[in-house]
Amino acid sequence: MQAAADSVRLAGGQAACLLDTGLAATAEKLHEALHIALRGARVRGVLFAIFGGVVRCDAAADGIAAACRDLAPRVPLAVRLNGCLADEGRQRLRAAQCPAALTDSLEEAARRLVAAA
């Protein structure tokens, strides 16, 4: 979590809030995480930093895609998927037309997010 905040700062931004879903980053938890983040008045973008070790990136992507569909965020999103089934996760997000910058690099995700915000 701190690495994500540091990456945003190094890219020229500042983290408004941090939320760690822990090892149980289910589709439902990621949906709720975006819902919570979008309530923040200072939030100008959202970075999902998913490392698929215990969590499968395809399942995480399903939650992010559902949240994009249900919540229609008006701020830029960046999604770093790296690890177990990351390619499948990125394919699912593209297929769902989720309006997020997709990458396997945390630094690249942060740069894209800050540039878009």
PDB file of N, CA and C in Angstrom:
ATOM      1  N   MET A   1       0.826  -1.173   0.000  1.00  0.00           N
ATOM      2  CA  MET A   1       0.000   0.000   0.000  1.00  0.00           C
ATOM      3  C   MET A   1       0.879   1.248   0.000  1.00  0.00           C
ATOM      4  N   GLN A   2       1.926   1.238   0.814  1.00  0.00           N
ATOM      5  CA  GLN A   2       2.815   2.392   0.857  1.00  0.00           C
ATOM      6  C   GLN A   2       3.524   2.567  -0.474  1.00  0.00           C
ATOM      7  N   ALA A   3       3.829   1.469  -1.154  1.00  0.00           N
ATOM      8  CA  ALA A   3       4.488   1.560  -2.465  1.00  0.00           C
ATOM      9  C   ALA A   3       3.601   2.292  -3.463  1.00  0.00           C
ATOM     10  N   ALA A   4       2.304   2.064  -3.408  1.00  0.00           N
ATOM     11  CA  ALA A   4       1.382   2.750  -4.313  1.00  0.00           C
ATOM     12  C   ALA A   4       1.371   4.246  -4.026  1.00  0.00           C
ATOM     13  N   ALA A   5       1.311   4.623  -2.756  1.00  0.00           N
ATOM     14  CA  ALA A   5       1.323   6.038  -2.383  1.00  0.00           C
ATOM     15  C   ALA A   5       2.642   6.683  -2.792  1.00  0.00           C
ATOM     16  N   ASP A   6       3.756   5.977  -2.595  1.00  0.00           N
ATOM     17  CA  ASP A   6       5.060   6.501  -2.984  1.00  0.00           C
ATOM     18  C   ASP A   6       5.146   6.667  -4.496  1.00  0.00           C
ATOM     19  N   SER A   7       4.606   5.735  -5.240  1.00  0.00           N
ATOM     20  CA  SER A   7       4.636   5.823  -6.702  1.00  0.00           C
ATOM     21  C   SER A   7       3.836   7.018  -7.202  1.00  0.00           C
ATOM     22  N   VAL A   8       2.702   7.277  -6.582  1.00  0.00           N
ATOM     23  CA  VAL A   8       1.894   8.442  -6.954  1.00  0.00           C
ATOM     24  C   VAL A   8       2.658   9.722  -6.651  1.00  0.00           C
ATOM     25  N   ARG A   9       3.301   9.781  -5.498  1.00  0.00           N
ATOM     26  CA  ARG A   9       4.068  10.979  -5.125  1.00  0.00           C
ATOM     27  C   ARG A   9       5.234  11.174  -6.089  1.00  0.00           C
ATOM     28  N   LEU A  10       5.944  10.119  -6.433  1.00  0.00           N
ATOM     29  CA  LEU A  10       7.075  10.226  -7.363  1.00  0.00           C
ATOM     30  C   LEU A  10       6.618  10.660  -8.757  1.00  0.00           C
ATOM     31  N   ALA A  11       5.374  10.363  -9.093  1.00  0.00           N
ATOM     32  CA  ALA A  11       4.819  10.770 -10.388  1.00  0.00           C
ATOM     33  C   ALA A  11       4.285  12.196 -10.349  1.00  0.00           C
ATOM     34  N   GLY A  12       4.352  12.840  -9.191  1.00  0.00           N
ATOM     35  CA  GLY A  12       3.921  14.230  -9.078  1.00  0.00           C
ATOM     36  C   GLY A  12       2.559  14.426  -8.452  1.00  0.00           C
ATOM     37  N   GLY A  13       1.961  13.367  -7.948  1.00  0.00           N
ATOM     38  CA  GLY A  13       0.646  13.474  -7.321  1.00  0.00           C
ATOM     39  C   GLY A  13       0.732  13.325  -5.814  1.00  0.00           C
ATOM     40  N   GLN A  14      -0.423  13.251  -5.188  1.00  0.00           N
ATOM     41  CA  GLN A  14      -0.496  13.059  -3.747  1.00  0.00           C
ATOM     42  C   GLN A  14      -1.684  12.170  -3.442  1.00  0.00           C
ATOM     43  N   ALA A  15      -1.466  11.136  -2.656  1.00  0.00           N
ATOM     44  CA  ALA A  15      -2.550  10.221  -2.292  1.00  0.00           C
ATOM     45  C   ALA A  15      -3.528  10.925  -1.354  1.00  0.00           C
ATOM     46  N   ALA A  16      -4.814  10.899  -1.717  1.00  0.00           N
ATOM     47  CA  ALA A  16      -5.855  11.502  -0.877  1.00  0.00           C
ATOM     48  C   ALA A  16      -6.341  10.512   0.169  1.00  0.00           C
ATOM     49  N   CYS A  17      -6.347   9.239  -0.179  1.00  0.00           N
ATOM     50  CA  CYS A  17      -6.728   8.212   0.786  1.00  0.00           C
ATOM     51  C   CYS A  17      -6.107   6.897   0.343  1.00  0.00           C
ATOM     52  N   LEU A  18      -5.922   6.010   1.276  1.00  0.00           N
ATOM     53  CA  LEU A  18      -5.377   4.680   0.995  1.00  0.00           C
ATOM     54  C   LEU A  18      -6.340   3.657   1.562  1.00  0.00           C
ATOM     55  N   LEU A  19      -6.560   2.602   0.809  1.00  0.00           N
ATOM     56  CA  LEU A  19      -7.454   1.546   1.260  1.00  0.00           C
ATOM     57  C   LEU A  19      -6.829   0.220   0.893  1.00  0.00           C
ATOM     58  N   ASP A  20      -6.637  -0.623   1.875  1.00  0.00           N
ATOM     59  CA  ASP A  20      -6.041  -1.938   1.656  1.00  0.00           C
ATOM     60  C   ASP A  20      -7.117  -2.988   1.875  1.00  0.00           C
ATOM     61  N   THR A  21      -7.441  -3.730   0.823  1.00  0.00           N
ATOM     62  CA  THR A  21      -8.443  -4.784   0.960  1.00  0.00           C
ATOM     63  C   THR A  21      -7.832  -6.055   1.521  1.00  0.00           C
ATOM     64  N   GLY A  22      -6.523  -6.082   1.655  1.00  0.00           N
ATOM     65  CA  GLY A  22      -5.845  -7.242   2.212  1.00  0.00           C
ATOM     66  C   GLY A  22      -5.856  -8.411   1.252  1.00  0.00           C
ATOM     67  N   LEU A  23      -5.689  -9.580   1.800  1.00  0.00           N
ATOM     68  CA  LEU A  23      -5.623 -10.784   0.975  1.00  0.00           C
ATOM     69  C   LEU A  23      -6.986 -11.209   0.450  1.00  0.00           C
ATOM     70  N   ALA A  24      -8.028 -10.601   0.947  1.00  0.00           N
ATOM     71  CA  ALA A  24      -9.379 -10.975   0.536  1.00  0.00           C
ATOM     72  C   ALA A  24      -9.939  -9.963  -0.454  1.00  0.00           C
ATOM     73  N   ALA A  25      -9.170  -9.633  -1.481  1.00  0.00           N
ATOM     74  CA  ALA A  25      -9.616  -8.648  -2.469  1.00  0.00           C
ATOM     75  C   ALA A  25     -10.577  -9.317  -3.450  1.00  0.00           C
ATOM     76  N   THR A  26     -11.749  -9.616  -2.961  1.00  0.00           N
ATOM     77  CA  THR A  26     -12.776 -10.237  -3.792  1.00  0.00           C
ATOM     78  C   THR A  26     -13.402  -9.188  -4.698  1.00  0.00           C
ATOM     79  N   ALA A  27     -14.163  -9.641  -5.670  1.00  0.00           N
ATOM     80  CA  ALA A  27     -14.868  -8.719  -6.565  1.00  0.00           C
ATOM     81  C   ALA A  27     -15.745  -7.766  -5.756  1.00  0.00           C
ATOM     82  N   GLU A  28     -16.418  -8.278  -4.751  1.00  0.00           N
ATOM     83  CA  GLU A  28     -17.302  -7.443  -3.931  1.00  0.00           C
ATOM     84  C   GLU A  28     -16.511  -6.394  -3.161  1.00  0.00           C
ATOM     85  N   LYS A  29     -15.365  -6.775  -2.599  1.00  0.00           N
ATOM     86  CA  LYS A  29     -14.562  -5.825  -1.836  1.00  0.00           C
ATOM     87  C   LYS A  29     -13.988  -4.734  -2.735  1.00  0.00           C
ATOM     88  N   LEU A  30     -13.582  -5.084  -3.948  1.00  0.00           N
ATOM     89  CA  LEU A  30     -13.045  -4.079  -4.858  1.00  0.00           C
ATOM     90  C   LEU A  30     -14.144  -3.124  -5.321  1.00  0.00           C
ATOM     91  N   HIS A  31     -15.332  -3.637  -5.520  1.00  0.00           N
ATOM     92  CA  HIS A  31     -16.480  -2.799  -5.860  1.00  0.00           C
ATOM     93  C   HIS A  31     -16.718  -1.792  -4.733  1.00  0.00           C
ATOM     94  N   GLU A  32     -16.742  -2.286  -3.508  1.00  0.00           N
ATOM     95  CA  GLU A  32     -16.972  -1.422  -2.351  1.00  0.00           C
ATOM     96  C   GLU A  32     -15.816  -0.434  -2.167  1.00  0.00           C
ATOM     97  N   ALA A  33     -14.597  -0.865  -2.443  1.00  0.00           N
ATOM     98  CA  ALA A  33     -13.436   0.019  -2.321  1.00  0.00           C
ATOM     99  C   ALA A  33     -13.569   1.215  -3.255  1.00  0.00           C
ATOM    100  N   LEU A  34     -13.980   0.980  -4.496  1.00  0.00           N
ATOM    101  CA  LEU A  34     -14.145   2.096  -5.417  1.00  0.00           C
ATOM    102  C   LEU A  34     -15.290   2.988  -4.967  1.00  0.00           C
ATOM    103  N   HIS A  35     -16.353   2.387  -4.477  1.00  0.00           N
ATOM    104  CA  HIS A  35     -17.484   3.166  -3.968  1.00  0.00           C
ATOM    105  C   HIS A  35     -17.018   4.098  -2.840  1.00  0.00           C
ATOM    106  N   ILE A  36     -16.222   3.589  -1.921  1.00  0.00           N
ATOM    107  CA  ILE A  36     -15.706   4.390  -0.804  1.00  0.00           C
ATOM    108  C   ILE A  36     -14.782   5.483  -1.323  1.00  0.00           C
ATOM    109  N   ALA A  37     -13.871   5.119  -2.219  1.00  0.00           N
ATOM    110  CA  ALA A  37     -12.905   6.098  -2.734  1.00  0.00           C
ATOM    111  C   ALA A  37     -13.600   7.241  -3.457  1.00  0.00           C
ATOM    112  N   LEU A  38     -14.634   6.944  -4.201  1.00  0.00           N
ATOM    113  CA  LEU A  38     -15.311   7.979  -4.983  1.00  0.00           C
ATOM    114  C   LEU A  38     -16.081   8.962  -4.114  1.00  0.00           C
ATOM    115  N   ARG A  39     -16.312   8.620  -2.858  1.00  0.00           N
ATOM    116  CA  ARG A  39     -16.985   9.541  -1.934  1.00  0.00           C
ATOM    117  C   ARG A  39     -16.069  10.666  -1.467  1.00  0.00           C
ATOM    118  N   GLY A  40     -14.755  10.470  -1.596  1.00  0.00           N
ATOM    119  CA  GLY A  40     -13.799  11.464  -1.101  1.00  0.00           C
ATOM    120  C   GLY A  40     -13.805  12.728  -1.938  1.00  0.00           C
ATOM    121  N   ALA A  41     -13.954  13.856  -1.292  1.00  0.00           N
ATOM    122  CA  ALA A  41     -14.013  15.139  -1.999  1.00  0.00           C
ATOM    123  C   ALA A  41     -12.691  15.482  -2.672  1.00  0.00           C
ATOM    124  N   ARG A  42     -11.577  15.003  -2.120  1.00  0.00           N
ATOM    125  CA  ARG A  42     -10.262  15.323  -2.675  1.00  0.00           C
ATOM    126  C   ARG A  42      -9.792  14.303  -3.707  1.00  0.00           C
ATOM    127  N   VAL A  43     -10.567  13.285  -3.961  1.00  0.00           N
ATOM    128  CA  VAL A  43     -10.150  12.225  -4.881  1.00  0.00           C
ATOM    129  C   VAL A  43     -10.268  12.715  -6.319  1.00  0.00           C
ATOM    130  N   ARG A  44      -9.134  12.733  -7.023  1.00  0.00           N
ATOM    131  CA  ARG A  44      -9.101  13.163  -8.426  1.00  0.00           C
ATOM    132  C   ARG A  44      -8.710  12.022  -9.354  1.00  0.00           C
ATOM    133  N   GLY A  45      -8.514  10.836  -8.790  1.00  0.00           N
ATOM    134  CA  GLY A  45      -8.179   9.646  -9.556  1.00  0.00           C
ATOM    135  C   GLY A  45      -8.068   8.475  -8.596  1.00  0.00           C
ATOM    136  N   VAL A  46      -8.161   7.259  -9.138  1.00  0.00           N
ATOM    137  CA  VAL A  46      -8.094   6.057  -8.305  1.00  0.00           C
ATOM    138  C   VAL A  46      -7.097   5.091  -8.926  1.00  0.00           C
ATOM    139  N   LEU A  47      -6.174   4.617  -8.096  1.00  0.00           N
ATOM    140  CA  LEU A  47      -5.174   3.641  -8.507  1.00  0.00           C
ATOM    141  C   LEU A  47      -5.452   2.325  -7.805  1.00  0.00           C
ATOM    142  N   PHE A  48      -5.687   1.288  -8.593  1.00  0.00           N
ATOM    143  CA  PHE A  48      -5.787  -0.069  -8.055  1.00  0.00           C
ATOM    144  C   PHE A  48      -4.435  -0.724  -8.261  1.00  0.00           C
ATOM    145  N   ALA A  49      -3.779  -1.130  -7.187  1.00  0.00           N
ATOM    146  CA  ALA A  49      -2.478  -1.787  -7.265  1.00  0.00           C
ATOM    147  C   ALA A  49      -2.665  -3.242  -6.829  1.00  0.00           C
ATOM    148  N   ILE A  50      -2.957  -4.098  -7.783  1.00  0.00           N
ATOM    149  CA  ILE A  50      -3.259  -5.499  -7.485  1.00  0.00           C
ATOM    150  C   ILE A  50      -2.044  -6.359  -7.808  1.00  0.00           C
ATOM    151  N   PHE A  51      -1.578  -7.091  -6.816  1.00  0.00           N
ATOM    152  CA  PHE A  51      -0.543  -8.088  -7.044  1.00  0.00           C
ATOM    153  C   PHE A  51      -1.173  -9.446  -6.806  1.00  0.00           C
ATOM    154  N   GLY A  52      -1.285 -10.210  -7.866  1.00  0.00           N
ATOM    155  CA  GLY A  52      -1.947 -11.511  -7.785  1.00  0.00           C
ATOM    156  C   GLY A  52      -1.022 -12.590  -7.268  1.00  0.00           C
ATOM    157  N   GLY A  53      -0.986 -12.743  -5.984  1.00  0.00           N
ATOM    158  CA  GLY A  53      -0.291 -13.859  -5.352  1.00  0.00           C
ATOM    159  C   GLY A  53      -1.370 -14.771  -4.807  1.00  0.00           C
ATOM    160  N   VAL A  54      -1.986 -14.341  -3.741  1.00  0.00           N
ATOM    161  CA  VAL A  54      -3.136 -15.043  -3.185  1.00  0.00           C
ATOM    162  C   VAL A  54      -4.388 -14.679  -3.977  1.00  0.00           C
ATOM    163  N   VAL A  55      -4.476 -13.399  -4.331  1.00  0.00           N
ATOM    164  CA  VAL A  55      -5.619 -12.888  -5.088  1.00  0.00           C
ATOM    165  C   VAL A  55      -5.394 -13.141  -6.570  1.00  0.00           C
ATOM    166  N   ARG A  56      -6.390 -13.664  -7.249  1.00  0.00           N
ATOM    167  CA  ARG A  56      -6.290 -13.859  -8.695  1.00  0.00           C
ATOM    168  C   ARG A  56      -6.661 -12.554  -9.391  1.00  0.00           C
ATOM    169  N   CYS A  57      -5.819 -12.135 -10.329  1.00  0.00           N
ATOM    170  CA  CYS A  57      -6.043 -10.865 -11.030  1.00  0.00           C
ATOM    171  C   CYS A  57      -7.315 -10.880 -11.863  1.00  0.00           C
ATOM    172  N   ASP A  58      -7.717 -12.036 -12.383  1.00  0.00           N
ATOM    173  CA  ASP A  58      -8.947 -12.077 -13.176  1.00  0.00           C
ATOM    174  C   ASP A  58     -10.161 -11.799 -12.294  1.00  0.00           C
ATOM    175  N   ALA A  59     -10.169 -12.338 -11.082  1.00  0.00           N
ATOM    176  CA  ALA A  59     -11.277 -12.088 -10.159  1.00  0.00           C
ATOM    177  C   ALA A  59     -11.284 -10.622  -9.712  1.00  0.00           C
ATOM    178  N   ALA A  60     -10.099 -10.073  -9.457  1.00  0.00           N
ATOM    179  CA  ALA A  60     -10.007  -8.656  -9.092  1.00  0.00           C
ATOM    180  C   ALA A  60     -10.535  -7.794 -10.235  1.00  0.00           C
ATOM    181  N   ALA A  61     -10.173  -8.137 -11.456  1.00  0.00           N
ATOM    182  CA  ALA A  61     -10.633  -7.381 -12.623  1.00  0.00           C
ATOM    183  C   ALA A  61     -12.152  -7.423 -12.747  1.00  0.00           C
ATOM    184  N   ASP A  62     -12.749  -8.552 -12.425  1.00  0.00           N
ATOM    185  CA  ASP A  62     -14.211  -8.646 -12.481  1.00  0.00           C
ATOM    186  C   ASP A  62     -14.859  -7.653 -11.524  1.00  0.00           C
ATOM    187  N   GLY A  63     -14.286  -7.500 -10.336  1.00  0.00           N
ATOM    188  CA  GLY A  63     -14.818  -6.541  -9.373  1.00  0.00           C
ATOM    189  C   GLY A  63     -14.641  -5.108  -9.828  1.00  0.00           C
ATOM    190  N   ILE A  64     -13.491  -4.808 -10.399  1.00  0.00           N
ATOM    191  CA  ILE A  64     -13.236  -3.458 -10.889  1.00  0.00           C
ATOM    192  C   ILE A  64     -14.160  -3.143 -12.062  1.00  0.00           C
ATOM    193  N   ALA A  65     -14.331  -4.108 -12.961  1.00  0.00           N
ATOM    194  CA  ALA A  65     -15.221  -3.904 -14.116  1.00  0.00           C
ATOM    195  C   ALA A  65     -16.656  -3.668 -13.660  1.00  0.00           C
ATOM    196  N   ALA A  66     -17.119  -4.454 -12.688  1.00  0.00           N
ATOM    197  CA  ALA A  66     -18.480  -4.275 -12.174  1.00  0.00           C
ATOM    198  C   ALA A  66     -18.635  -2.909 -11.522  1.00  0.00           C
ATOM    199  N   ALA A  67     -17.610  -2.479 -10.790  1.00  0.00           N
ATOM    200  CA  ALA A  67     -17.665  -1.165 -10.147  1.00  0.00           C
ATOM    201  C   ALA A  67     -17.701  -0.053 -11.191  1.00  0.00           C
ATOM    202  N   CYS A  68     -16.915  -0.201 -12.251  1.00  0.00           N
ATOM    203  CA  CYS A  68     -16.937   0.813 -13.326  1.00  0.00           C
ATOM    204  C   CYS A  68     -18.324   0.885 -13.954  1.00  0.00           C
ATOM    205  N   ARG A  69     -18.923  -0.262 -14.172  1.00  0.00           N
ATOM    206  CA  ARG A  69     -20.252  -0.317 -14.793  1.00  0.00           C
ATOM    207  C   ARG A  69     -21.312   0.277 -13.853  1.00  0.00           C
ATOM    208  N   ASP A  70     -21.262  -0.076 -12.592  1.00  0.00           N
ATOM    209  CA  ASP A  70     -22.294   0.337 -11.640  1.00  0.00           C
ATOM    210  C   ASP A  70     -22.131   1.778 -11.151  1.00  0.00           C
ATOM    211  N   LEU A  71     -20.882   2.221 -10.980  1.00  0.00           N
ATOM    212  CA  LEU A  71     -20.631   3.509 -10.341  1.00  0.00           C
ATOM    213  C   LEU A  71     -20.283   4.623 -11.320  1.00  0.00           C
ATOM    214  N   ALA A  72     -19.944   4.273 -12.552  1.00  0.00           N
ATOM    215  CA  ALA A  72     -19.587   5.252 -13.594  1.00  0.00           C
ATOM    216  C   ALA A  72     -18.688   6.354 -13.045  1.00  0.00           C
ATOM    217  N   PRO A  73     -17.456   6.002 -12.639  1.00  0.00           N
ATOM    218  CA  PRO A  73     -16.571   7.016 -12.050  1.00  0.00           C
ATOM    219  C   PRO A  73     -16.286   8.163 -13.004  1.00  0.00           C
ATOM    220  N   ARG A  74     -16.233   9.360 -12.446  1.00  0.00           N
ATOM    221  CA  ARG A  74     -15.965  10.572 -13.233  1.00  0.00           C
ATOM    222  C   ARG A  74     -14.524  11.035 -13.058  1.00  0.00           C
ATOM    223  N   VAL A  75     -13.713  10.216 -12.427  1.00  0.00           N
ATOM    224  CA  VAL A  75     -12.291  10.513 -12.263  1.00  0.00           C
ATOM    225  C   VAL A  75     -11.498   9.422 -12.988  1.00  0.00           C
ATOM    226  N   PRO A  76     -10.260   9.730 -13.370  1.00  0.00           N
ATOM    227  CA  PRO A  76      -9.449   8.719 -14.051  1.00  0.00           C
ATOM    228  C   PRO A  76      -9.147   7.535 -13.138  1.00  0.00           C
ATOM    229  N   LEU A  77      -9.006   6.379 -13.755  1.00  0.00           N
ATOM    230  CA  LEU A  77      -8.638   5.156 -13.048  1.00  0.00           C
ATOM    231  C   LEU A  77      -7.382   4.587 -13.682  1.00  0.00           C
ATOM    232  N   ALA A  78      -6.555   3.979 -12.862  1.00  0.00           N
ATOM    233  CA  ALA A  78      -5.403   3.225 -13.348  1.00  0.00           C
ATOM    234  C   ALA A  78      -5.388   1.903 -12.597  1.00  0.00           C
ATOM    235  N   VAL A  79      -5.118   0.833 -13.315  1.00  0.00           N
ATOM    236  CA  VAL A  79      -5.126  -0.496 -12.716  1.00  0.00           C
ATOM    237  C   VAL A  79      -3.812  -1.188 -13.033  1.00  0.00           C
ATOM    238  N   ARG A  80      -3.076  -1.535 -11.974  1.00  0.00           N
ATOM    239  CA  ARG A  80      -1.869  -2.338 -12.121  1.00  0.00           C
ATOM    240  C   ARG A  80      -2.241  -3.758 -11.724  1.00  0.00           C
ATOM    241  N   LEU A  81      -2.192  -4.654 -12.676  1.00  0.00           N
ATOM    242  CA  LEU A  81      -2.402  -6.071 -12.413  1.00  0.00           C
ATOM    243  C   LEU A  81      -1.094  -6.782 -12.689  1.00  0.00           C
ATOM    244  N   ASN A  82      -0.586  -7.469 -11.685  1.00  0.00           N
ATOM    245  CA  ASN A  82       0.656  -8.201 -11.835  1.00  0.00           C
ATOM    246  C   ASN A  82       0.543  -9.483 -11.028  1.00  0.00           C
ATOM    247  N   GLY A  83       0.867 -10.603 -11.645  1.00  0.00           N
ATOM    248  CA  GLY A  83       0.838 -11.864 -10.928  1.00  0.00           C
ATOM    249  C   GLY A  83      -0.142 -12.837 -11.547  1.00  0.00           C
ATOM    250  N   CYS A  84      -0.741 -13.647 -10.715  1.00  0.00           N
ATOM    251  CA  CYS A  84      -1.611 -14.752 -11.126  1.00  0.00           C
ATOM    252  C   CYS A  84      -2.769 -14.280 -12.012  1.00  0.00           C
ATOM    253  N   LEU A  85      -2.774 -14.723 -13.257  1.00  0.00           N
ATOM    254  CA  LEU A  85      -3.821 -14.441 -14.243  1.00  0.00           C
ATOM    255  C   LEU A  85      -3.973 -12.951 -14.559  1.00  0.00           C
ATOM    256  N   ALA A  86      -2.847 -12.221 -14.530  1.00  0.00           N
ATOM    257  CA  ALA A  86      -2.880 -10.783 -14.814  1.00  0.00           C
ATOM    258  C   ALA A  86      -3.301 -10.506 -16.253  1.00  0.00           C
ATOM    259  N   ASP A  87      -2.790 -11.258 -17.207  1.00  0.00           N
ATOM    260  CA  ASP A  87      -3.172 -11.039 -18.602  1.00  0.00           C
ATOM    261  C   ASP A  87      -4.666 -11.249 -18.796  1.00  0.00           C
ATOM    262  N   GLU A  88      -5.194 -12.288 -18.181  1.00  0.00           N
ATOM    263  CA  GLU A  88      -6.638 -12.559 -18.253  1.00  0.00           C
ATOM    264  C   GLU A  88      -7.422 -11.402 -17.626  1.00  0.00           C
ATOM    265  N   GLY A  89      -6.942 -10.872 -16.521  1.00  0.00           N
ATOM    266  CA  GLY A  89      -7.610  -9.740 -15.875  1.00  0.00           C
ATOM    267  C   GLY A  89      -7.648  -8.513 -16.766  1.00  0.00           C
ATOM    268  N   ARG A  90      -6.511  -8.203 -17.402  1.00  0.00           N
ATOM    269  CA  ARG A  90      -6.488  -7.047 -18.297  1.00  0.00           C
ATOM    270  C   ARG A  90      -7.424  -7.263 -19.485  1.00  0.00           C
ATOM    271  N   GLN A  91      -7.482  -8.490 -19.993  1.00  0.00           N
ATOM    272  CA  GLN A  91      -8.405  -8.800 -21.093  1.00  0.00           C
ATOM    273  C   GLN A  91      -9.855  -8.593 -20.664  1.00  0.00           C
ATOM    274  N   ARG A  92     -10.178  -8.999 -19.456  1.00  0.00           N
ATOM    275  CA  ARG A  92     -11.547  -8.827 -18.959  1.00  0.00           C
ATOM    276  C   ARG A  92     -11.910  -7.355 -18.802  1.00  0.00           C
ATOM    277  N   LEU A  93     -10.974  -6.553 -18.322  1.00  0.00           N
ATOM    278  CA  LEU A  93     -11.240  -5.120 -18.171  1.00  0.00           C
ATOM    279  C   LEU A  93     -11.419  -4.459 -19.534  1.00  0.00           C
ATOM    280  N   ARG A  94     -10.614  -4.859 -20.503  1.00  0.00           N
ATOM    281  CA  ARG A  94     -10.787  -4.305 -21.860  1.00  0.00           C
ATOM    282  C   ARG A  94     -12.138  -4.722 -22.438  1.00  0.00           C
ATOM    283  N   ALA A  95     -12.493  -5.979 -22.283  1.00  0.00           N
ATOM    284  CA  ALA A  95     -13.763  -6.492 -22.810  1.00  0.00           C
ATOM    285  C   ALA A  95     -14.950  -5.777 -22.160  1.00  0.00           C
ATOM    286  N   ALA A  96     -14.804  -5.423 -20.889  1.00  0.00           N
ATOM    287  CA  ALA A  96     -15.871  -4.723 -20.165  1.00  0.00           C
ATOM    288  C   ALA A  96     -15.861  -3.224 -20.469  1.00  0.00           C
ATOM    289  N   GLN A  97     -14.910  -2.789 -21.279  1.00  0.00           N
ATOM    290  CA  GLN A  97     -14.754  -1.375 -21.632  1.00  0.00           C
ATOM    291  C   GLN A  97     -14.613  -0.499 -20.383  1.00  0.00           C
ATOM    292  N   CYS A  98     -13.883  -1.015 -19.425  1.00  0.00           N
ATOM    293  CA  CYS A  98     -13.597  -0.252 -18.214  1.00  0.00           C
ATOM    294  C   CYS A  98     -12.637   0.876 -18.586  1.00  0.00           C
ATOM    295  N   PRO A  99     -12.982   2.123 -18.299  1.00  0.00           N
ATOM    296  CA  PRO A  99     -12.155   3.264 -18.712  1.00  0.00           C
ATOM    297  C   PRO A  99     -10.953   3.469 -17.792  1.00  0.00           C
ATOM    298  N   ALA A 100     -10.040   2.512 -17.796  1.00  0.00           N
ATOM    299  CA  ALA A 100      -8.884   2.590 -16.912  1.00  0.00           C
ATOM    300  C   ALA A 100      -7.607   2.371 -17.703  1.00  0.00           C
ATOM    301  N   ALA A 101      -6.547   3.037 -17.273  1.00  0.00           N
ATOM    302  CA  ALA A 101      -5.222   2.763 -17.817  1.00  0.00           C
ATOM    303  C   ALA A 101      -4.774   1.433 -17.226  1.00  0.00           C
ATOM    304  N   LEU A 102      -4.407   0.481 -18.067  1.00  0.00           N
ATOM    305  CA  LEU A 102      -4.040  -0.861 -17.626  1.00  0.00           C
ATOM    306  C   LEU A 102      -2.555  -1.103 -17.840  1.00  0.00           C
ATOM    307  N   THR A 103      -1.899  -1.646 -16.832  1.00  0.00           N
ATOM    308  CA  THR A 103      -0.477  -1.937 -16.930  1.00  0.00           C
ATOM    309  C   THR A 103      -0.095  -2.994 -15.902  1.00  0.00           C
ATOM    310  N   ASP A 104       1.113  -3.537 -16.056  1.00  0.00           N
ATOM    311  CA  ASP A 104       1.629  -4.466 -15.050  1.00  0.00           C
ATOM    312  C   ASP A 104       2.676  -3.788 -14.160  1.00  0.00           C
ATOM    313  N   SER A 105       2.888  -2.489 -14.367  1.00  0.00           N
ATOM    314  CA  SER A 105       3.892  -1.730 -13.629  1.00  0.00           C
ATOM    315  C   SER A 105       3.219  -0.708 -12.711  1.00  0.00           C
ATOM    316  N   LEU A 106       3.563  -0.743 -11.448  1.00  0.00           N
ATOM    317  CA  LEU A 106       3.008   0.215 -10.491  1.00  0.00           C
ATOM    318  C   LEU A 106       3.432   1.642 -10.833  1.00  0.00           C
ATOM    319  N   GLU A 107       4.689   1.806 -11.208  1.00  0.00           N
ATOM    320  CA  GLU A 107       5.187   3.136 -11.548  1.00  0.00           C
ATOM    321  C   GLU A 107       4.469   3.691 -12.775  1.00  0.00           C
ATOM    322  N   GLU A 108       4.262   2.850 -13.785  1.00  0.00           N
ATOM    323  CA  GLU A 108       3.565   3.283 -15.001  1.00  0.00           C
ATOM    324  C   GLU A 108       2.110   3.627 -14.692  1.00  0.00           C
ATOM    325  N   ALA A 109       1.459   2.829 -13.862  1.00  0.00           N
ATOM    326  CA  ALA A 109       0.074   3.112 -13.466  1.00  0.00           C
ATOM    327  C   ALA A 109      -0.015   4.469 -12.774  1.00  0.00           C
ATOM    328  N   ALA A 110       0.925   4.729 -11.872  1.00  0.00           N
ATOM    329  CA  ALA A 110       0.930   6.013 -11.158  1.00  0.00           C
ATOM    330  C   ALA A 110       1.168   7.172 -12.116  1.00  0.00           C
ATOM    331  N   ARG A 111       2.101   7.024 -13.046  1.00  0.00           N
ATOM    332  CA  ARG A 111       2.366   8.091 -14.022  1.00  0.00           C
ATOM    333  C   ARG A 111       1.127   8.373 -14.866  1.00  0.00           C
ATOM    334  N   ARG A 112       0.485   7.320 -15.344  1.00  0.00           N
ATOM    335  CA  ARG A 112      -0.712   7.510 -16.173  1.00  0.00           C
ATOM    336  C   ARG A 112      -1.830   8.171 -15.391  1.00  0.00           C
ATOM    337  N   LEU A 113      -1.989   7.759 -14.140  1.00  0.00           N
ATOM    338  CA  LEU A 113      -3.056   8.327 -13.318  1.00  0.00           C
ATOM    339  C   LEU A 113      -2.815   9.814 -13.056  1.00  0.00           C
ATOM    340  N   VAL A 114      -1.608  10.156 -12.648  1.00  0.00           N
ATOM    341  CA  VAL A 114      -1.304  11.554 -12.342  1.00  0.00           C
ATOM    342  C   VAL A 114      -1.448  12.404 -13.601  1.00  0.00           C
ATOM    343  N   ALA A 115      -1.003  11.901 -14.729  1.00  0.00           N
ATOM    344  CA  ALA A 115      -1.128  12.654 -15.982  1.00  0.00           C
ATOM    345  C   ALA A 115      -2.594  12.885 -16.343  1.00  0.00           C
ATOM    346  N   ALA A 116      -3.440  11.887 -16.105  1.00  0.00           N
ATOM    347  CA  ALA A 116      -4.857  12.009 -16.443  1.00  0.00           C
ATOM    348  C   ALA A 116      -5.610  12.890 -15.452  1.00  0.00           C
ATOM    349  N   ALA A 117      -5.172  12.883 -14.197  1.00  0.00           N
ATOM    350  CA  ALA A 117      -5.861  13.665 -13.157  1.00  0.00           C
ATOM    351  C   ALA A 117      -5.489  15.121 -13.274  1.00  0.00           C
TER     352      ALA A 117
END
